[in-house]
C-alpha cells in the first residue's frame, strides 16, 4: 500500500497551560513512522504561551494528511476541547492525546494495521506507564487488561473490579465507532474519560491489545486531576461520574461481577469523603442498592485486612478520629 493510501488518522489534543511540554509532544507525534496524520490542537483558554507554541507548527508541518491544525476557545475544560477537536476532525480513525505525554515511534502504525484487518467497531489498546522527567523511567509492568476482549464490556468490568485504567492515548478507534458512542459528556469535570470510554466500550464490537505500541504518561506536575482531590466539590463530581458509569454498564449487564465493580467505585468515594458526610452516605446508599455491603476497595491491602477484623465503616470512623 502506498503512503498516500493509508487512512487519515486524526489526533485530538486539548491544551491548557501546557507550554512547558507542548513542543516535545508535538515533535513526538510529527516524528511518528505513520505519516498520514492530522494533529488537531484545541487551546482551552491557556494563560501561558501554549497557543503561540502550537501555532508555530501550522506552517512548519510538511507531513501528509492534514498537518497541524490549531483552534482556541475560552476555558471550558478538557472534555469540551476534545469535543471541539472531534468536530474538526476529518480522519477515518481517531486517537486522543494529552499535551504532555509521549507515544512510541510505531504506535499509530501498529494500531492502524490491526484496525485495517477488523470491523469498524473494533477498538485497539496498548500498554502504558508513567515517567517524571525521562521516558526511560517507564518500566511497563504487566497489567491484567493487556489482552483481547471478545466482549468489550468484560474489559470495563475487569478494570472496575481490579482498579485498572487505560489512558486516553492508549486507544485507537474508527470515526464510525466514535459517532456511535457520541461526544464527551460535559456534565462531568472529573473522570470524564472514564465515562466516555465506558460509552465507547459499550458501543464496540471487540478490543484488541497491540503489544507493539506504548504510551508514556507524564507525572510529577500539577494537573486538574491531582489537585485537591478530597474537596467536597471534586468528590461530588466523582460520585456523579461513577453513577453515570454504573448506568452505562448496567444497561449492558446486571451480572454480579458488574455490580461488584460498580460497588468498588462507590467504596472509593467513601474512603475519600469525610466520615458520615452527605457524600459518604450517598456513596454507601449506592452500594446497598446494588445488593452489597460496603467493603474496602483495595483487596489484600493492609487496610483491607484490618477491615476484615473490625469492619469497613468502623475502620473509616477510627481513621477519621485519628486524623
Protein backbone atom coordinates (compact mmCIF):
# COMPACT_ATOMS: atom_id res chain seq x y z
CA UNK A 1 0.00 0.00 0.00
CA UNK A 2 1.33 3.43 -0.94
CA UNK A 3 1.80 6.00 1.81
CA UNK A 4 -0.95 8.16 0.31
CA UNK A 5 -3.34 5.21 0.50
CA UNK A 6 -3.06 4.84 4.26
CA UNK A 7 -6.19 6.12 6.08
CA UNK A 8 -6.02 9.53 7.70
CA UNK A 9 -5.66 9.47 11.48
CA UNK A 10 -6.93 12.46 13.48
CA UNK A 11 -5.14 13.06 16.78
CA UNK A 12 -7.28 15.18 19.10
CA UNK A 13 -5.29 17.13 21.69
CA UNK A 14 -6.73 19.51 24.30
CA UNK A 15 -4.23 22.01 25.74
CA UNK A 16 -4.46 24.10 28.86
CA UNK A 17 -1.29 25.85 30.07
CA UNK A 18 0.89 23.15 28.54
CA UNK A 19 3.66 25.40 27.24
CA UNK A 20 6.31 23.63 29.30
CA UNK A 21 5.95 20.31 27.47
CA UNK A 22 3.84 21.01 24.38
CA UNK A 23 6.61 21.30 21.78
CA UNK A 24 8.14 17.98 22.88
CA UNK A 25 4.81 16.22 22.50
CA UNK A 26 4.08 17.74 19.09
CA UNK A 27 7.58 16.79 17.87
CA UNK A 28 6.98 13.25 19.11
CA UNK A 29 3.77 12.99 17.08
CA UNK A 30 5.24 14.50 13.94
CA UNK A 31 8.15 12.04 14.11
CA UNK A 32 5.82 9.02 14.01
CA UNK A 33 6.56 6.32 11.44
CA UNK A 34 2.94 6.64 10.30
CA UNK A 35 2.72 9.71 8.08
CA UNK A 36 -0.94 10.28 7.21
CA UNK A 37 -1.87 12.27 10.32
CA UNK A 38 -3.75 15.43 11.17
CA UNK A 39 -3.00 16.80 14.62
CA UNK A 40 -5.89 18.88 15.93
CA UNK A 41 -4.91 21.07 18.87
CA UNK A 42 -7.59 22.95 20.81
CA UNK A 43 -6.23 25.52 23.24
CA UNK A 44 -8.70 25.71 26.12
CA UNK A 45 -8.15 29.31 27.20
CA UNK A 46 -4.50 28.93 28.26
CA UNK A 47 -2.91 31.83 30.12
CA UNK A 48 0.62 30.83 29.11
CA UNK A 49 2.23 30.62 25.66
CA UNK A 50 0.57 27.33 24.65
CA UNK A 51 -1.44 28.74 21.76
CA UNK A 52 1.53 30.55 20.19
CA UNK A 53 3.73 27.46 20.51
CA UNK A 54 1.10 25.34 18.78
CA UNK A 55 0.60 27.91 16.03
CA UNK A 56 4.29 27.74 15.16
CA UNK A 57 3.74 24.19 13.87
CA UNK A 58 0.91 25.02 11.48
CA UNK A 59 3.21 26.10 8.66
CA UNK A 60 6.23 24.04 9.71
CA UNK A 61 4.50 20.70 9.31
CA UNK A 62 5.17 19.12 5.91
CA UNK A 63 3.53 15.79 6.62
CA UNK A 64 0.95 14.06 4.52
CA UNK A 65 -2.66 14.32 5.66
CA UNK A 66 -3.94 17.45 7.33
CA UNK A 67 -0.79 18.55 9.14
CA UNK A 68 -1.28 20.57 12.32
CA UNK A 69 -4.50 22.48 12.92
CA UNK A 70 -4.86 24.80 15.90
CA UNK A 71 -8.06 26.22 17.41
CA UNK A 72 -8.76 28.23 20.54
CA UNK A 73 -11.72 28.63 22.87
CA UNK A 74 -12.48 30.06 26.29
CA UNK A 75 -11.63 27.82 29.23
CA UNK A 76 -14.36 25.17 29.30
CA UNK A 77 -12.47 22.02 30.28
CA UNK A 78 -10.64 19.19 28.50
CA UNK A 79 -13.89 17.41 27.65
CA UNK A 80 -15.11 20.46 25.73
CA UNK A 81 -11.77 20.85 23.95
CA UNK A 82 -11.83 17.17 22.93
CA UNK A 83 -15.36 17.59 21.56
CA UNK A 84 -14.21 20.62 19.53
CA UNK A 85 -11.30 18.60 18.18
CA UNK A 86 -13.64 15.75 17.24
CA UNK A 87 -15.91 18.16 15.36
CA UNK A 88 -12.91 19.48 13.41
CA UNK A 89 -11.53 16.01 12.67
CA UNK A 90 -11.68 14.52 9.17
CA UNK A 91 -9.76 11.28 9.73
CA UNK A 92 -11.09 7.79 9.31
CA UNK A 93 -9.52 6.92 12.65
CA UNK A 94 -9.29 8.83 15.92
CA UNK A 95 -6.74 8.97 18.71
CA UNK A 96 -6.80 11.23 21.77
CA UNK A 97 -3.59 12.56 23.27
CA UNK A 98 -2.67 14.81 26.17
CA UNK A 99 -0.25 17.65 25.61
CA UNK A 100 2.50 16.35 27.91
CA UNK A 101 2.64 12.64 27.03
CA UNK A 102 4.62 10.61 24.50
CA UNK A 103 3.94 7.61 22.29
CA UNK A 104 6.33 5.01 20.87
CA UNK A 105 7.61 5.60 17.34
CA UNK A 106 5.43 2.93 15.66
CA UNK A 107 2.37 3.29 17.92
CA UNK A 108 -0.03 4.63 15.30
CA UNK A 109 1.34 2.39 12.55
CA UNK A 110 0.89 -0.82 14.53
CA UNK A 111 -2.60 0.02 15.75
CA UNK A 112 -3.82 1.03 12.29
CA UNK A 113 -2.52 -2.24 10.86
CA UNK A 114 -4.76 -4.08 13.33
CA UNK A 115 -7.78 -1.89 12.69
CA UNK A 116 -7.48 -2.32 8.93
CA UNK A 117 -7.97 -6.07 9.40
CA UNK A 118 -11.06 -5.77 11.60
CA UNK A 119 -14.58 -4.33 11.57
CA UNK A 120 -15.05 -0.58 12.16
CA UNK A 121 -16.37 -1.12 15.70
CA UNK A 122 -13.09 -2.62 16.87
CA UNK A 123 -11.05 -0.61 19.39
CA UNK A 124 -7.31 -1.18 19.84
CA UNK A 125 -5.47 -0.70 23.14
CA UNK A 126 -1.81 -0.77 24.13
CA UNK A 127 0.44 -0.70 27.20
CA UNK A 128 1.38 2.41 29.18
CA UNK A 129 3.47 3.51 32.12
CA UNK A 130 4.41 6.68 33.97
CA UNK A 131 7.53 8.82 33.89
CA UNK A 132 8.52 12.11 35.51
CA UNK A 133 11.41 13.60 33.56
CA UNK A 134 12.75 10.90 31.23
CA UNK A 135 10.75 8.27 29.36
CA UNK A 136 13.46 5.72 30.22
CA UNK A 137 11.94 5.74 33.72
CA UNK A 138 8.88 3.88 32.41
CA UNK A 139 9.11 0.18 33.29
CA UNK A 140 5.84 -1.03 31.70
CA UNK A 141 4.71 -3.63 34.27
CA UNK A 142 2.21 -6.19 33.09
CA UNK A 143 -1.48 -5.37 33.64
CA UNK A 144 -4.40 -7.78 33.58
CA UNK A 145 -6.14 -5.75 30.86
CA UNK A 146 -3.31 -6.29 28.36
CA UNK A 147 -5.30 -8.82 26.34
CA UNK A 148 -8.05 -9.13 23.76
CA UNK A 149 -11.72 -9.00 24.71
CA UNK A 150 -14.41 -10.53 22.52
CA UNK A 151 -16.95 -8.66 24.64
CA UNK A 152 -15.62 -5.13 25.41
CA UNK A 153 -17.89 -4.84 28.45
CA UNK A 154 -15.80 -7.57 30.08
CA UNK A 155 -12.83 -5.21 29.92
CA UNK A 156 -14.78 -2.46 31.68
CA UNK A 157 -15.88 -4.89 34.39
CA UNK A 158 -12.31 -6.09 34.91
CA UNK A 159 -10.98 -2.52 35.12
CA UNK A 160 -13.57 -1.61 37.75
CA UNK A 161 -13.04 -4.72 39.87
CA UNK A 162 -9.24 -4.64 39.78
CA UNK A 163 -8.70 -0.89 39.85
CA UNK A 164 -7.08 -0.83 36.42
CA UNK A 165 -7.24 2.01 33.93
CA UNK A 166 -6.34 2.69 30.32
CA UNK A 167 -5.10 6.12 29.30
CA UNK A 168 -6.89 8.15 26.62
CA UNK A 169 -3.77 7.99 24.47
CA UNK A 170 -3.74 4.18 24.50
CA UNK A 171 -6.85 3.83 22.40
CA UNK A 172 -7.22 3.91 18.62
CA UNK A 173 -10.67 3.64 17.06
CA UNK A 174 -12.66 4.48 13.97
CA UNK A 175 -14.64 7.63 13.37
CA UNK A 176 -17.63 5.33 12.90
CA UNK A 177 -17.28 3.96 16.44
CA UNK A 178 -16.87 7.50 17.79
CA UNK A 179 -20.12 8.56 16.14
CA UNK A 180 -21.88 5.60 17.69
CA UNK A 181 -20.58 6.41 21.19
CA UNK A 182 -21.21 10.15 20.90
CA UNK A 183 -19.30 13.10 22.30
CA UNK A 184 -17.68 13.58 25.70
CA UNK A 185 -20.28 14.37 28.36
CA UNK A 186 -19.72 17.94 29.54
CA UNK A 187 -21.61 17.32 32.79
CA UNK A 188 -18.56 15.67 34.29
CA UNK A 189 -15.49 17.64 35.32
CA UNK A 190 -13.64 14.63 36.74
CA UNK A 191 -13.44 11.05 35.49
CA UNK A 192 -14.91 12.33 32.23
CA UNK A 193 -12.55 9.96 30.40
CA UNK A 194 -13.86 7.03 32.45
CA UNK A 195 -17.42 7.88 31.50
CA UNK A 196 -16.56 8.46 27.85
CA UNK A 197 -14.66 5.23 27.29
CA UNK A 198 -17.38 3.32 29.12
CA UNK A 199 -19.67 4.54 26.34
CA UNK A 200 -17.11 3.58 23.70
CA UNK A 201 -16.67 0.07 25.11
CA UNK A 202 -20.45 -0.32 25.27
CA UNK A 203 -20.60 0.51 21.53
CA UNK A 204 -17.55 -1.50 20.42
CA UNK A 205 -17.58 -5.00 18.95
CA UNK A 206 -14.26 -6.12 20.44
CA UNK A 207 -11.00 -4.90 21.97
CA UNK A 208 -7.64 -5.95 20.54
CA UNK A 209 -4.45 -5.39 22.52
CA UNK A 210 -1.47 -4.20 20.47
CA UNK A 211 1.78 -5.38 22.15
CA UNK A 212 3.98 -3.26 19.86
CA UNK A 213 2.67 0.14 20.96
CA UNK A 214 3.37 2.17 24.08
CA UNK A 215 2.21 5.36 25.80
CA UNK A 216 4.42 7.30 28.21
CA UNK A 217 2.33 9.15 30.79
CA UNK A 218 3.99 12.15 32.42
CA UNK A 219 3.52 12.59 36.16
CA UNK A 220 5.07 14.85 38.77
CA UNK A 221 3.47 18.19 37.89
CA UNK A 222 0.20 19.76 38.99
CA UNK A 223 -2.94 18.95 37.00
CA UNK A 224 -6.69 19.26 37.33
CA UNK A 225 -6.97 15.59 38.23
CA UNK A 226 -4.34 15.65 41.01
CA UNK A 227 -5.14 18.96 42.71
CA UNK A 228 -7.35 18.95 45.83
CA UNK A 229 -8.86 15.54 45.07
CA UNK A 230 -10.53 15.31 48.51
CA UNK A 231 -12.58 18.52 48.27
CA UNK A 232 -16.36 18.10 48.52
CA UNK A 233 -16.77 19.65 45.10
CA UNK A 234 -14.47 17.14 43.44
CA UNK A 235 -15.84 14.19 45.37
CA UNK A 236 -19.39 15.13 44.38
CA UNK A 237 -18.29 15.32 40.73
CA UNK A 238 -16.52 11.97 41.07
CA UNK A 239 -19.59 10.38 42.64
CA UNK A 240 -21.82 11.63 39.82
CA UNK A 241 -19.41 10.28 37.20
CA UNK A 242 -19.44 6.86 38.91
CA UNK A 243 -23.25 6.90 38.85
CA UNK A 244 -23.12 7.51 35.11
CA UNK A 245 -20.62 4.69 34.58
CA UNK A 246 -22.95 2.45 36.56
CA UNK A 247 -25.86 3.44 34.34
CA UNK A 248 -23.87 2.65 31.19
CA UNK A 249 -22.64 -0.71 32.46
CA UNK A 250 -25.92 -1.91 33.97
CA UNK A 251 -27.66 -1.20 30.65
CA UNK A 252 -25.38 -3.92 29.20
CA UNK A 253 -25.35 -6.44 32.06
CA UNK A 254 -26.52 -6.80 35.67
CA UNK A 255 -24.09 -9.62 36.46
CA UNK A 256 -22.60 -9.97 39.93
CA UNK A 257 -19.15 -9.06 38.57
CA UNK A 258 -20.51 -5.83 37.07
CA UNK A 259 -22.31 -4.85 40.26
CA UNK A 260 -19.21 -5.61 42.38
CA UNK A 261 -17.08 -3.42 40.14
CA UNK A 262 -19.55 -0.55 40.42
CA UNK A 263 -19.74 -1.01 44.20
CA UNK A 264 -15.95 -0.74 44.38
CA UNK A 265 -16.12 2.69 42.74
CA UNK A 266 -18.56 3.92 45.37
CA UNK A 267 -16.38 2.43 48.14
CA UNK A 268 -13.51 4.54 46.82
CA UNK A 269 -15.67 7.63 47.36
CA UNK A 270 -16.46 6.52 50.91
CA UNK A 271 -12.73 6.20 51.60
CA UNK A 272 -12.04 9.73 50.33
CA UNK A 273 -15.06 11.51 51.81
CA UNK A 274 -15.41 12.84 55.35
CA UNK A 275 -16.84 10.08 57.53
CA UNK A 276 -20.65 10.07 57.55
CA UNK A 277 -20.85 13.20 55.40
CA UNK A 278 -23.61 13.53 52.82
CA UNK A 279 -21.26 12.35 50.06
CA UNK A 280 -20.21 9.39 52.21
CA UNK A 281 -23.82 8.38 52.91
CA UNK A 282 -24.84 8.76 49.28
CA UNK A 283 -21.98 6.54 48.11
CA UNK A 284 -22.87 3.96 50.76
CA UNK A 285 -26.51 4.00 49.67
CA UNK A 286 -25.48 3.28 46.06
CA UNK A 287 -23.59 0.19 47.25
CA UNK A 288 -26.57 -1.02 49.27
CA UNK A 289 -28.86 -0.55 46.26
CA UNK A 290 -26.55 -2.88 44.32
CA UNK A 291 -27.14 -5.57 46.95
CA UNK A 292 -23.73 -5.35 48.63
CA UNK A 293 -22.31 -4.33 51.99
CA UNK A 294 -19.59 -1.65 51.72
CA UNK A 295 -16.07 -3.10 51.89
CA UNK A 296 -12.54 -1.82 51.38
CA UNK A 297 -11.82 -1.27 47.64
CA UNK A 298 -8.18 -2.41 47.80
CA UNK A 299 -8.47 -6.13 48.43
CA UNK A 300 -5.49 -7.75 50.10
CA UNK A 301 -4.06 -4.46 51.35
CA UNK A 302 -3.11 -3.88 54.99
CA UNK A 303 -6.19 -1.67 55.40
CA UNK A 304 -8.39 -4.39 53.93
CA UNK A 305 -7.01 -6.94 56.41
CA UNK A 306 -7.83 -4.58 59.27
CA UNK A 307 -11.34 -4.07 57.86
CA UNK A 308 -11.84 -7.83 57.85
CA UNK A 309 -11.26 -7.79 61.62
CA UNK A 310 -13.15 -4.69 62.72
CA UNK A 311 -15.40 -3.81 59.77
CA UNK A 312 -15.02 -1.32 56.92
CA UNK A 313 -17.06 1.52 58.42
CA UNK A 314 -15.53 1.07 61.87
CA UNK A 315 -12.13 1.38 60.20
CA UNK A 316 -13.18 4.59 58.44
CA UNK A 317 -14.64 6.01 61.67
CA UNK A 318 -11.42 5.30 63.60
CA UNK A 319 -9.30 6.71 60.82
CA UNK A 320 -11.38 9.88 60.88
CA UNK A 321 -10.89 10.26 64.64
CA UNK A 322 -7.13 9.76 64.33
CA UNK A 323 -6.94 12.44 61.65
